[in-house]
PDB file of N, CA and C in Angstrom:
ATOM      1  N   UNK A   1      -4.680 -40.467 -10.936  1.00  0.00           N
ATOM      2  CA  UNK A   1      -4.044 -39.631 -11.924  1.00  0.00           C
ATOM      3  C   UNK A   1      -3.360 -38.459 -11.224  1.00  0.00           C
ATOM      4  N   UNK A   2      -2.098 -38.218 -11.515  1.00  0.00           N
ATOM      5  CA  UNK A   2      -1.329 -37.138 -10.916  1.00  0.00           C
ATOM      6  C   UNK A   2      -1.540 -35.863 -11.725  1.00  0.00           C
ATOM      7  N   UNK A   3      -2.106 -34.846 -11.060  1.00  0.00           N
ATOM      8  CA  UNK A   3      -2.406 -33.609 -11.760  1.00  0.00           C
ATOM      9  C   UNK A   3      -1.213 -32.672 -11.834  1.00  0.00           C
ATOM     10  N   UNK A   4      -0.194 -32.854 -10.994  1.00  0.00           N
ATOM     11  CA  UNK A   4       0.974 -31.989 -11.011  1.00  0.00           C
ATOM     12  C   UNK A   4       0.656 -30.589 -10.519  1.00  0.00           C
ATOM     13  N   UNK A   5       1.593 -29.668 -10.739  1.00  0.00           N
ATOM     14  CA  UNK A   5       1.365 -28.303 -10.256  1.00  0.00           C
ATOM     15  C   UNK A   5       0.234 -27.619 -11.015  1.00  0.00           C
ATOM     16  N   UNK A   6      -0.441 -26.732 -10.326  1.00  0.00           N
ATOM     17  CA  UNK A   6      -1.552 -26.002 -10.916  1.00  0.00           C
ATOM     18  C   UNK A   6      -1.046 -25.040 -11.983  1.00  0.00           C
ATOM     19  N   UNK A   7      -1.751 -24.985 -13.096  1.00  0.00           N
ATOM     20  CA  UNK A   7      -1.386 -24.060 -14.155  1.00  0.00           C
ATOM     21  C   UNK A   7      -2.272 -22.823 -14.129  1.00  0.00           C
ATOM     22  N   UNK A   8      -3.142 -22.735 -13.122  1.00  0.00           N
ATOM     23  CA  UNK A   8      -4.003 -21.572 -12.979  1.00  0.00           C
ATOM     24  C   UNK A   8      -3.163 -20.373 -12.548  1.00  0.00           C
ATOM     25  N   UNK A   9      -3.328 -19.256 -13.238  1.00  0.00           N
ATOM     26  CA  UNK A   9      -2.596 -18.047 -12.883  1.00  0.00           C
ATOM     27  C   UNK A   9      -3.154 -17.476 -11.594  1.00  0.00           C
ATOM     28  N   UNK A  10      -2.262 -17.094 -10.723  1.00  0.00           N
ATOM     29  CA  UNK A  10      -2.648 -16.493  -9.444  1.00  0.00           C
ATOM     30  C   UNK A  10      -2.631 -14.976  -9.593  1.00  0.00           C
ATOM     31  N   UNK A  11      -3.707 -14.323  -9.163  1.00  0.00           N
ATOM     32  CA  UNK A  11      -3.766 -12.865  -9.211  1.00  0.00           C
ATOM     33  C   UNK A  11      -4.703 -12.372  -8.130  1.00  0.00           C
ATOM     34  N   UNK A  12      -4.603 -11.095  -7.824  1.00  0.00           N
ATOM     35  CA  UNK A  12      -5.481 -10.473  -6.837  1.00  0.00           C
ATOM     36  C   UNK A  12      -5.958  -9.133  -7.385  1.00  0.00           C
ATOM     37  N   UNK A  13      -6.997  -8.592  -6.788  1.00  0.00           N
ATOM     38  CA  UNK A  13      -7.539  -7.312  -7.234  1.00  0.00           C
ATOM     39  C   UNK A  13      -6.679  -6.133  -6.797  1.00  0.00           C
ATOM     40  N   UNK A  14      -6.023  -6.242  -5.664  1.00  0.00           N
ATOM     41  CA  UNK A  14      -5.217  -5.143  -5.148  1.00  0.00           C
ATOM     42  C   UNK A  14      -3.734  -5.479  -5.198  1.00  0.00           C
ATOM     43  N   UNK A  15      -2.925  -4.473  -5.488  1.00  0.00           N
ATOM     44  CA  UNK A  15      -1.480  -4.666  -5.462  1.00  0.00           C
ATOM     45  C   UNK A  15      -0.993  -4.571  -4.020  1.00  0.00           C
ATOM     46  N   UNK A  16       0.232  -4.999  -3.799  1.00  0.00           N
ATOM     47  CA  UNK A  16       0.819  -4.853  -2.467  1.00  0.00           C
ATOM     48  C   UNK A  16       0.958  -3.380  -2.100  1.00  0.00           C
ATOM     49  N   UNK A  17       1.217  -2.527  -3.086  1.00  0.00           N
ATOM     50  CA  UNK A  17       1.311  -1.089  -2.815  1.00  0.00           C
ATOM     51  C   UNK A  17      -0.027  -0.567  -2.273  1.00  0.00           C
ATOM     52  N   UNK A  18      -1.129  -0.996  -2.863  1.00  0.00           N
ATOM     53  CA  UNK A  18      -2.444  -0.563  -2.398  1.00  0.00           C
ATOM     54  C   UNK A  18      -2.704  -1.084  -0.993  1.00  0.00           C
ATOM     55  N   UNK A  19      -2.342  -2.313  -0.735  1.00  0.00           N
ATOM     56  CA  UNK A  19      -2.559  -2.889   0.604  1.00  0.00           C
ATOM     57  C   UNK A  19      -1.791  -2.110   1.672  1.00  0.00           C
ATOM     58  N   UNK A  20      -0.526  -1.807   1.383  1.00  0.00           N
ATOM     59  CA  UNK A  20       0.299  -1.058   2.339  1.00  0.00           C
ATOM     60  C   UNK A  20      -0.287   0.334   2.551  1.00  0.00           C
ATOM     61  N   UNK A  21      -0.671   0.987   1.481  1.00  0.00           N
ATOM     62  CA  UNK A  21      -1.241   2.330   1.591  1.00  0.00           C
ATOM     63  C   UNK A  21      -2.534   2.335   2.410  1.00  0.00           C
ATOM     64  N   UNK A  22      -3.356   1.332   2.247  1.00  0.00           N
ATOM     65  CA  UNK A  22      -4.594   1.232   3.026  1.00  0.00           C
ATOM     66  C   UNK A  22      -4.269   1.084   4.515  1.00  0.00           C
ATOM     67  N   UNK A  23      -3.293   0.265   4.850  1.00  0.00           N
ATOM     68  CA  UNK A  23      -2.929   0.087   6.260  1.00  0.00           C
ATOM     69  C   UNK A  23      -2.425   1.395   6.862  1.00  0.00           C
ATOM     70  N   UNK A  24      -1.638   2.139   6.096  1.00  0.00           N
ATOM     71  CA  UNK A  24      -1.118   3.419   6.578  1.00  0.00           C
ATOM     72  C   UNK A  24      -2.252   4.433   6.708  1.00  0.00           C
ATOM     73  N   UNK A  25      -3.181   4.435   5.764  1.00  0.00           N
ATOM     74  CA  UNK A  25      -4.320   5.360   5.843  1.00  0.00           C
ATOM     75  C   UNK A  25      -5.178   5.052   7.067  1.00  0.00           C
ATOM     76  N   UNK A  26      -5.305   3.780   7.426  1.00  0.00           N
ATOM     77  CA  UNK A  26      -6.081   3.388   8.617  1.00  0.00           C
ATOM     78  C   UNK A  26      -5.395   3.826   9.907  1.00  0.00           C
ATOM     79  N   UNK A  27      -4.061   3.723   9.914  1.00  0.00           N
ATOM     80  CA  UNK A  27      -3.299   4.034  11.127  1.00  0.00           C
ATOM     81  C   UNK A  27      -1.972   4.680  10.732  1.00  0.00           C
ATOM     82  N   UNK A  28      -1.915   6.007  10.668  1.00  0.00           N
ATOM     83  CA  UNK A  28      -0.699   6.696  10.227  1.00  0.00           C
ATOM     84  C   UNK A  28       0.528   6.446  11.113  1.00  0.00           C
ATOM     85  N   UNK A  29       0.338   5.935  12.303  1.00  0.00           N
ATOM     86  CA  UNK A  29       1.460   5.638  13.193  1.00  0.00           C
ATOM     87  C   UNK A  29       1.843   4.169  13.198  1.00  0.00           C
ATOM     88  N   UNK A  30       1.310   3.401  12.277  1.00  0.00           N
ATOM     89  CA  UNK A  30       1.544   1.958  12.239  1.00  0.00           C
ATOM     90  C   UNK A  30       3.027   1.638  12.004  1.00  0.00           C
ATOM     91  N   UNK A  31       3.481   0.554  12.617  1.00  0.00           N
ATOM     92  CA  UNK A  31       4.863   0.108  12.437  1.00  0.00           C
ATOM     93  C   UNK A  31       4.978  -0.757  11.185  1.00  0.00           C
ATOM     94  N   UNK A  32       6.155  -0.732  10.572  1.00  0.00           N
ATOM     95  CA  UNK A  32       6.424  -1.560   9.396  1.00  0.00           C
ATOM     96  C   UNK A  32       6.154  -3.020   9.715  1.00  0.00           C
ATOM     97  N   UNK A  33       6.522  -3.454  10.892  1.00  0.00           N
ATOM     98  CA  UNK A  33       6.307  -4.842  11.316  1.00  0.00           C
ATOM     99  C   UNK A  33       4.822  -5.202  11.267  1.00  0.00           C
ATOM    100  N   UNK A  34       3.975  -4.282  11.721  1.00  0.00           N
ATOM    101  CA  UNK A  34       2.535  -4.542  11.742  1.00  0.00           C
ATOM    102  C   UNK A  34       1.932  -4.509  10.339  1.00  0.00           C
ATOM    103  N   UNK A  35       2.427  -3.601   9.489  1.00  0.00           N
ATOM    104  CA  UNK A  35       1.973  -3.577   8.092  1.00  0.00           C
ATOM    105  C   UNK A  35       2.310  -4.907   7.437  1.00  0.00           C
ATOM    106  N   UNK A  36       3.529  -5.358   7.634  1.00  0.00           N
ATOM    107  CA  UNK A  36       3.974  -6.618   7.038  1.00  0.00           C
ATOM    108  C   UNK A  36       3.086  -7.779   7.472  1.00  0.00           C
ATOM    109  N   UNK A  37       2.775  -7.839   8.757  1.00  0.00           N
ATOM    110  CA  UNK A  37       1.942  -8.933   9.265  1.00  0.00           C
ATOM    111  C   UNK A  37       0.538  -8.880   8.670  1.00  0.00           C
ATOM    112  N   UNK A  38      -0.032  -7.693   8.576  1.00  0.00           N
ATOM    113  CA  UNK A  38      -1.397  -7.561   8.061  1.00  0.00           C
ATOM    114  C   UNK A  38      -1.484  -7.801   6.557  1.00  0.00           C
ATOM    115  N   UNK A  39      -0.416  -7.465   5.839  1.00  0.00           N
ATOM    116  CA  UNK A  39      -0.426  -7.616   4.375  1.00  0.00           C
ATOM    117  C   UNK A  39       0.218  -8.921   3.911  1.00  0.00           C
ATOM    118  N   UNK A  40       0.700  -9.717   4.872  1.00  0.00           N
ATOM    119  CA  UNK A  40       1.366 -10.982   4.566  1.00  0.00           C
ATOM    120  C   UNK A  40       2.585 -10.762   3.664  1.00  0.00           C
ATOM    121  N   UNK A  41       3.388  -9.762   4.033  1.00  0.00           N
ATOM    122  CA  UNK A  41       4.609  -9.417   3.321  1.00  0.00           C
ATOM    123  C   UNK A  41       5.777  -9.427   4.291  1.00  0.00           C
ATOM    124  N   UNK A  42       6.990  -9.377   3.763  1.00  0.00           N
ATOM    125  CA  UNK A  42       8.151  -9.228   4.632  1.00  0.00           C
ATOM    126  C   UNK A  42       8.311  -7.751   4.991  1.00  0.00           C
ATOM    127  N   UNK A  43       8.999  -7.493   6.083  1.00  0.00           N
ATOM    128  CA  UNK A  43       9.258  -6.113   6.474  1.00  0.00           C
ATOM    129  C   UNK A  43      10.069  -5.399   5.400  1.00  0.00           C
ATOM    130  N   UNK A  44      10.996  -6.112   4.806  1.00  0.00           N
ATOM    131  CA  UNK A  44      11.836  -5.531   3.745  1.00  0.00           C
ATOM    132  C   UNK A  44      10.982  -5.108   2.552  1.00  0.00           C
ATOM    133  N   UNK A  45      10.011  -5.939   2.167  1.00  0.00           N
ATOM    134  CA  UNK A  45       9.122  -5.603   1.051  1.00  0.00           C
ATOM    135  C   UNK A  45       8.294  -4.366   1.383  1.00  0.00           C
ATOM    136  N   UNK A  46       7.808  -4.281   2.611  1.00  0.00           N
ATOM    137  CA  UNK A  46       7.022  -3.121   3.034  1.00  0.00           C
ATOM    138  C   UNK A  46       7.890  -1.859   2.991  1.00  0.00           C
ATOM    139  N   UNK A  47       9.117  -1.954   3.444  1.00  0.00           N
ATOM    140  CA  UNK A  47      10.015  -0.801   3.405  1.00  0.00           C
ATOM    141  C   UNK A  47      10.228  -0.323   1.963  1.00  0.00           C
ATOM    142  N   UNK A  48      10.411  -1.253   1.034  1.00  0.00           N
ATOM    143  CA  UNK A  48      10.592  -0.880  -0.379  1.00  0.00           C
ATOM    144  C   UNK A  48       9.336  -0.223  -0.937  1.00  0.00           C
ATOM    145  N   UNK A  49       8.181  -0.743  -0.571  1.00  0.00           N
ATOM    146  CA  UNK A  49       6.911  -0.175  -1.041  1.00  0.00           C
ATOM    147  C   UNK A  49       6.730   1.234  -0.490  1.00  0.00           C
ATOM    148  N   UNK A  50       7.056   1.444   0.771  1.00  0.00           N
ATOM    149  CA  UNK A  50       6.946   2.778   1.364  1.00  0.00           C
ATOM    150  C   UNK A  50       7.859   3.761   0.628  1.00  0.00           C
ATOM    151  N   UNK A  51       9.067   3.340   0.308  1.00  0.00           N
ATOM    152  CA  UNK A  51       9.981   4.199  -0.467  1.00  0.00           C
ATOM    153  C   UNK A  51       9.374   4.512  -1.833  1.00  0.00           C
ATOM    154  N   UNK A  52       8.817   3.512  -2.503  1.00  0.00           N
ATOM    155  CA  UNK A  52       8.160   3.735  -3.793  1.00  0.00           C
ATOM    156  C   UNK A  52       7.043   4.772  -3.670  1.00  0.00           C
ATOM    157  N   UNK A  53       6.205   4.623  -2.648  1.00  0.00           N
ATOM    158  CA  UNK A  53       5.076   5.530  -2.446  1.00  0.00           C
ATOM    159  C   UNK A  53       5.552   6.945  -2.124  1.00  0.00           C
ATOM    160  N   UNK A  54       6.625   7.045  -1.355  1.00  0.00           N
ATOM    161  CA  UNK A  54       7.179   8.369  -1.052  1.00  0.00           C
ATOM    162  C   UNK A  54       7.808   8.998  -2.298  1.00  0.00           C
ATOM    163  N   UNK A  55       8.569   8.214  -3.051  1.00  0.00           N
ATOM    164  CA  UNK A  55       9.199   8.718  -4.276  1.00  0.00           C
ATOM    165  C   UNK A  55       8.164   9.209  -5.279  1.00  0.00           C
ATOM    166  N   UNK A  56       7.000   8.572  -5.314  1.00  0.00           N
ATOM    167  CA  UNK A  56       5.937   8.948  -6.246  1.00  0.00           C
ATOM    168  C   UNK A  56       5.067  10.085  -5.706  1.00  0.00           C
ATOM    169  N   UNK A  57       5.299  10.494  -4.463  1.00  0.00           N
ATOM    170  CA  UNK A  57       4.558  11.610  -3.892  1.00  0.00           C
ATOM    171  C   UNK A  57       3.228  11.253  -3.255  1.00  0.00           C
ATOM    172  N   UNK A  58       2.971   9.967  -3.037  1.00  0.00           N
ATOM    173  CA  UNK A  58       1.716   9.537  -2.422  1.00  0.00           C
ATOM    174  C   UNK A  58       1.783   9.517  -0.903  1.00  0.00           C
ATOM    175  N   UNK A  59       2.983   9.610  -0.373  1.00  0.00           N
ATOM    176  CA  UNK A  59       3.180   9.416   1.053  1.00  0.00           C
ATOM    177  C   UNK A  59       4.381  10.236   1.504  1.00  0.00           C
ATOM    178  N   UNK A  60       4.300  10.776   2.710  1.00  0.00           N
ATOM    179  CA  UNK A  60       5.456  11.374   3.370  1.00  0.00           C
ATOM    180  C   UNK A  60       5.485  10.830   4.787  1.00  0.00           C
ATOM    181  N   UNK A  61       6.608  11.017   5.453  1.00  0.00           N
ATOM    182  CA  UNK A  61       6.659  10.595   6.848  1.00  0.00           C
ATOM    183  C   UNK A  61       7.423  11.612   7.678  1.00  0.00           C
ATOM    184  N   UNK A  62       7.113  11.588   8.946  1.00  0.00           N
ATOM    185  CA  UNK A  62       7.756  12.462   9.913  1.00  0.00           C
ATOM    186  C   UNK A  62       8.259  11.566  11.035  1.00  0.00           C
ATOM    187  N   UNK A  63       9.505  11.737  11.379  1.00  0.00           N
ATOM    188  CA  UNK A  63      10.094  10.940  12.451  1.00  0.00           C
ATOM    189  C   UNK A  63       9.685  11.536  13.794  1.00  0.00           C
ATOM    190  N   UNK A  64       9.123  10.706  14.668  1.00  0.00           N
ATOM    191  CA  UNK A  64       8.732  11.120  16.010  1.00  0.00           C
ATOM    192  C   UNK A  64       9.394  10.163  16.984  1.00  0.00           C
ATOM    193  N   UNK A  65      10.482  10.603  17.601  1.00  0.00           N
ATOM    194  CA  UNK A  65      11.225   9.703  18.485  1.00  0.00           C
ATOM    195  C   UNK A  65      11.800   8.540  17.683  1.00  0.00           C
ATOM    196  N   UNK A  66      11.420   7.331  18.056  1.00  0.00           N
ATOM    197  CA  UNK A  66      11.907   6.143  17.352  1.00  0.00           C
ATOM    198  C   UNK A  66      10.917   5.618  16.332  1.00  0.00           C
ATOM    199  N   UNK A  67       9.810   6.310  16.142  1.00  0.00           N
ATOM    200  CA  UNK A  67       8.801   5.809  15.210  1.00  0.00           C
ATOM    201  C   UNK A  67       8.502   6.840  14.128  1.00  0.00           C
ATOM    202  N   UNK A  68       7.820   6.393  13.101  1.00  0.00           N
ATOM    203  CA  UNK A  68       7.418   7.251  11.993  1.00  0.00           C
ATOM    204  C   UNK A  68       5.921   7.528  12.073  1.00  0.00           C
ATOM    205  N   UNK A  69       5.550   8.714  11.638  1.00  0.00           N
ATOM    206  CA  UNK A  69       4.146   9.060  11.473  1.00  0.00           C
ATOM    207  C   UNK A  69       3.984   9.402   9.999  1.00  0.00           C
ATOM    208  N   UNK A  70       3.115   8.680   9.318  1.00  0.00           N
ATOM    209  CA  UNK A  70       2.959   8.826   7.874  1.00  0.00           C
ATOM    210  C   UNK A  70       1.836   9.794   7.535  1.00  0.00           C
ATOM    211  N   UNK A  71       1.973  10.450   6.395  1.00  0.00           N
ATOM    212  CA  UNK A  71       0.960  11.365   5.875  1.00  0.00           C
ATOM    213  C   UNK A  71       0.643  10.946   4.440  1.00  0.00           C
ATOM    214  N   UNK A  72      -0.590  10.535   4.210  1.00  0.00           N
ATOM    215  CA  UNK A  72      -1.035  10.170   2.869  1.00  0.00           C
ATOM    216  C   UNK A  72      -1.399  11.452   2.129  1.00  0.00           C
ATOM    217  N   UNK A  73      -0.901  11.595   0.921  1.00  0.00           N
ATOM    218  CA  UNK A  73      -1.186  12.773   0.091  1.00  0.00           C
ATOM    219  C   UNK A  73      -2.449  12.482  -0.716  1.00  0.00           C
ATOM    220  N   UNK A  74      -3.584  12.648  -0.067  1.00  0.00           N
ATOM    221  CA  UNK A  74      -4.870  12.192  -0.595  1.00  0.00           C
ATOM    222  C   UNK A  74      -5.316  12.920  -1.858  1.00  0.00           C
ATOM    223  N   UNK A  75      -4.842  14.126  -2.091  1.00  0.00           N
ATOM    224  CA  UNK A  75      -5.266  14.885  -3.271  1.00  0.00           C
ATOM    225  C   UNK A  75      -4.554  14.416  -4.542  1.00  0.00           C
ATOM    226  N   UNK A  76      -3.530  13.621  -4.386  1.00  0.00           N
ATOM    227  CA  UNK A  76      -2.732  13.143  -5.526  1.00  0.00           C
ATOM    228  C   UNK A  76      -3.595  12.281  -6.450  1.00  0.00           C
ATOM    229  N   UNK A  77      -3.388  12.421  -7.736  1.00  0.00           N
ATOM    230  CA  UNK A  77      -4.109  11.632  -8.734  1.00  0.00           C
ATOM    231  C   UNK A  77      -3.461  10.256  -8.877  1.00  0.00           C
ATOM    232  N   UNK A  78      -4.231   9.286  -9.312  1.00  0.00           N
ATOM    233  CA  UNK A  78      -3.708   7.936  -9.538  1.00  0.00           C
ATOM    234  C   UNK A  78      -2.752   7.963 -10.728  1.00  0.00           C
ATOM    235  N   UNK A  79      -1.791   7.068 -10.745  1.00  0.00           N
ATOM    236  CA  UNK A  79      -0.689   7.089 -11.712  1.00  0.00           C
ATOM    237  C   UNK A  79      -1.049   6.648 -13.119  1.00  0.00           C
ATOM    238  N   UNK A  80      -1.777   5.581 -13.244  1.00  0.00           N
ATOM    239  CA  UNK A  80      -2.000   4.966 -14.551  1.00  0.00           C
ATOM    240  C   UNK A  80      -2.991   5.787 -15.372  1.00  0.00           C
ATOM    241  N   UNK A  81      -2.701   6.013 -16.659  1.00  0.00           N
ATOM    242  CA  UNK A  81      -3.608   6.801 -17.500  1.00  0.00           C
ATOM    243  C   UNK A  81      -5.033   6.241 -17.552  1.00  0.00           C
ATOM    244  N   UNK A  82      -5.176   4.948 -17.450  1.00  0.00           N
ATOM    245  CA  UNK A  82      -6.515   4.346 -17.478  1.00  0.00           C
ATOM    246  C   UNK A  82      -7.301   4.664 -16.208  1.00  0.00           C
ATOM    247  N   UNK A  83      -6.597   5.085 -15.161  1.00  0.00           N
ATOM    248  CA  UNK A  83      -7.235   5.422 -13.890  1.00  0.00           C
ATOM    249  C   UNK A  83      -7.412   6.924 -13.724  1.00  0.00           C
ATOM    250  N   UNK A  84      -7.185   7.687 -14.775  1.00  0.00           N
ATOM    251  CA  UNK A  84      -7.252   9.150 -14.691  1.00  0.00           C
ATOM    252  C   UNK A  84      -8.626   9.596 -14.216  1.00  0.00           C
ATOM    253  N   UNK A  85      -8.631  10.589 -13.374  1.00  0.00           N
ATOM    254  CA  UNK A  85      -9.885  11.138 -12.867  1.00  0.00           C
ATOM    255  C   UNK A  85      -9.957  11.098 -11.363  1.00  0.00           C
ATOM    256  N   UNK A  86     -10.155   9.917 -10.765  1.00  0.00           N
ATOM    257  CA  UNK A  86     -10.296   9.870  -9.302  1.00  0.00           C
ATOM    258  C   UNK A  86      -8.977  10.204  -8.604  1.00  0.00           C
ATOM    259  N   UNK A  87      -9.100  10.782  -7.428  1.00  0.00           N
ATOM    260  CA  UNK A  87      -7.919  11.048  -6.609  1.00  0.00           C
ATOM    261  C   UNK A  87      -7.660   9.853  -5.697  1.00  0.00           C
ATOM    262  N   UNK A  88      -6.526   9.890  -5.053  1.00  0.00           N
ATOM    263  CA  UNK A  88      -6.197   8.848  -4.084  1.00  0.00           C
ATOM    264  C   UNK A  88      -7.235   8.834  -2.961  1.00  0.00           C
ATOM    265  N   UNK A  89      -7.726   9.983  -2.576  1.00  0.00           N
ATOM    266  CA  UNK A  89      -8.746  10.064  -1.524  1.00  0.00           C
ATOM    267  C   UNK A  89      -9.999   9.291  -1.904  1.00  0.00           C
ATOM    268  N   UNK A  90     -10.414   9.394  -3.159  1.00  0.00           N
ATOM    269  CA  UNK A  90     -11.612   8.683  -3.603  1.00  0.00           C
ATOM    270  C   UNK A  90     -11.395   7.173  -3.594  1.00  0.00           C
ATOM    271  N   UNK A  91     -10.227   6.739  -4.006  1.00  0.00           N
ATOM    272  CA  UNK A  91      -9.905   5.309  -3.969  1.00  0.00           C
ATOM    273  C   UNK A  91      -9.883   4.802  -2.531  1.00  0.00           C
ATOM    274  N   UNK A  92      -9.218   5.545  -1.660  1.00  0.00           N
ATOM    275  CA  UNK A  92      -9.133   5.128  -0.267  1.00  0.00           C
ATOM    276  C   UNK A  92     -10.496   5.115   0.407  1.00  0.00           C
ATOM    277  N   UNK A  93     -11.358   6.034   0.032  1.00  0.00           N
ATOM    278  CA  UNK A  93     -12.709   6.055   0.608  1.00  0.00           C
ATOM    279  C   UNK A  93     -13.434   4.743   0.348  1.00  0.00           C
ATOM    280  N   UNK A  94     -13.234   4.187  -0.813  1.00  0.00           N
ATOM    281  CA  UNK A  94     -13.867   2.913  -1.155  1.00  0.00           C
ATOM    282  C   UNK A  94     -13.190   1.769  -0.400  1.00  0.00           C
ATOM    283  N   UNK A  95     -11.878   1.767  -0.359  1.00  0.00           N
ATOM    284  CA  UNK A  95     -11.137   0.658   0.243  1.00  0.00           C
ATOM    285  C   UNK A  95     -11.188   0.643   1.770  1.00  0.00           C
ATOM    286  N   UNK A  96     -11.420   1.788   2.371  1.00  0.00           N
ATOM    287  CA  UNK A  96     -11.431   1.854   3.825  1.00  0.00           C
ATOM    288  C   UNK A  96     -12.777   1.513   4.444  1.00  0.00           C
ATOM    289  N   UNK A  97     -13.799   1.383   3.650  1.00  0.00           N
ATOM    290  CA  UNK A  97     -15.121   1.046   4.193  1.00  0.00           C
ATOM    291  C   UNK A  97     -15.330  -0.431   4.281  1.00  0.00           C
TER     292      UNK A  97
END
């Protein structure tokens, strides 16, 4: 019997934005190429996510020579109203362990 394509919905607990932010929090000098490899994303997708995070105030960067050094704004509150209360620092504390 041919079952055909799976109709099971694919989902994960963490968004790509969270994955990228965790990698940057682990290593603020990490290259986009390395983030992409660790998160199984394209470099272009990682660049867009970094722009999103910077636009939302969760991340800043400083250019050092040919590389970037990122700064996570850990005191920032989470965006979604259902997540009100914990700061980004509290979320990262859980995800980084």
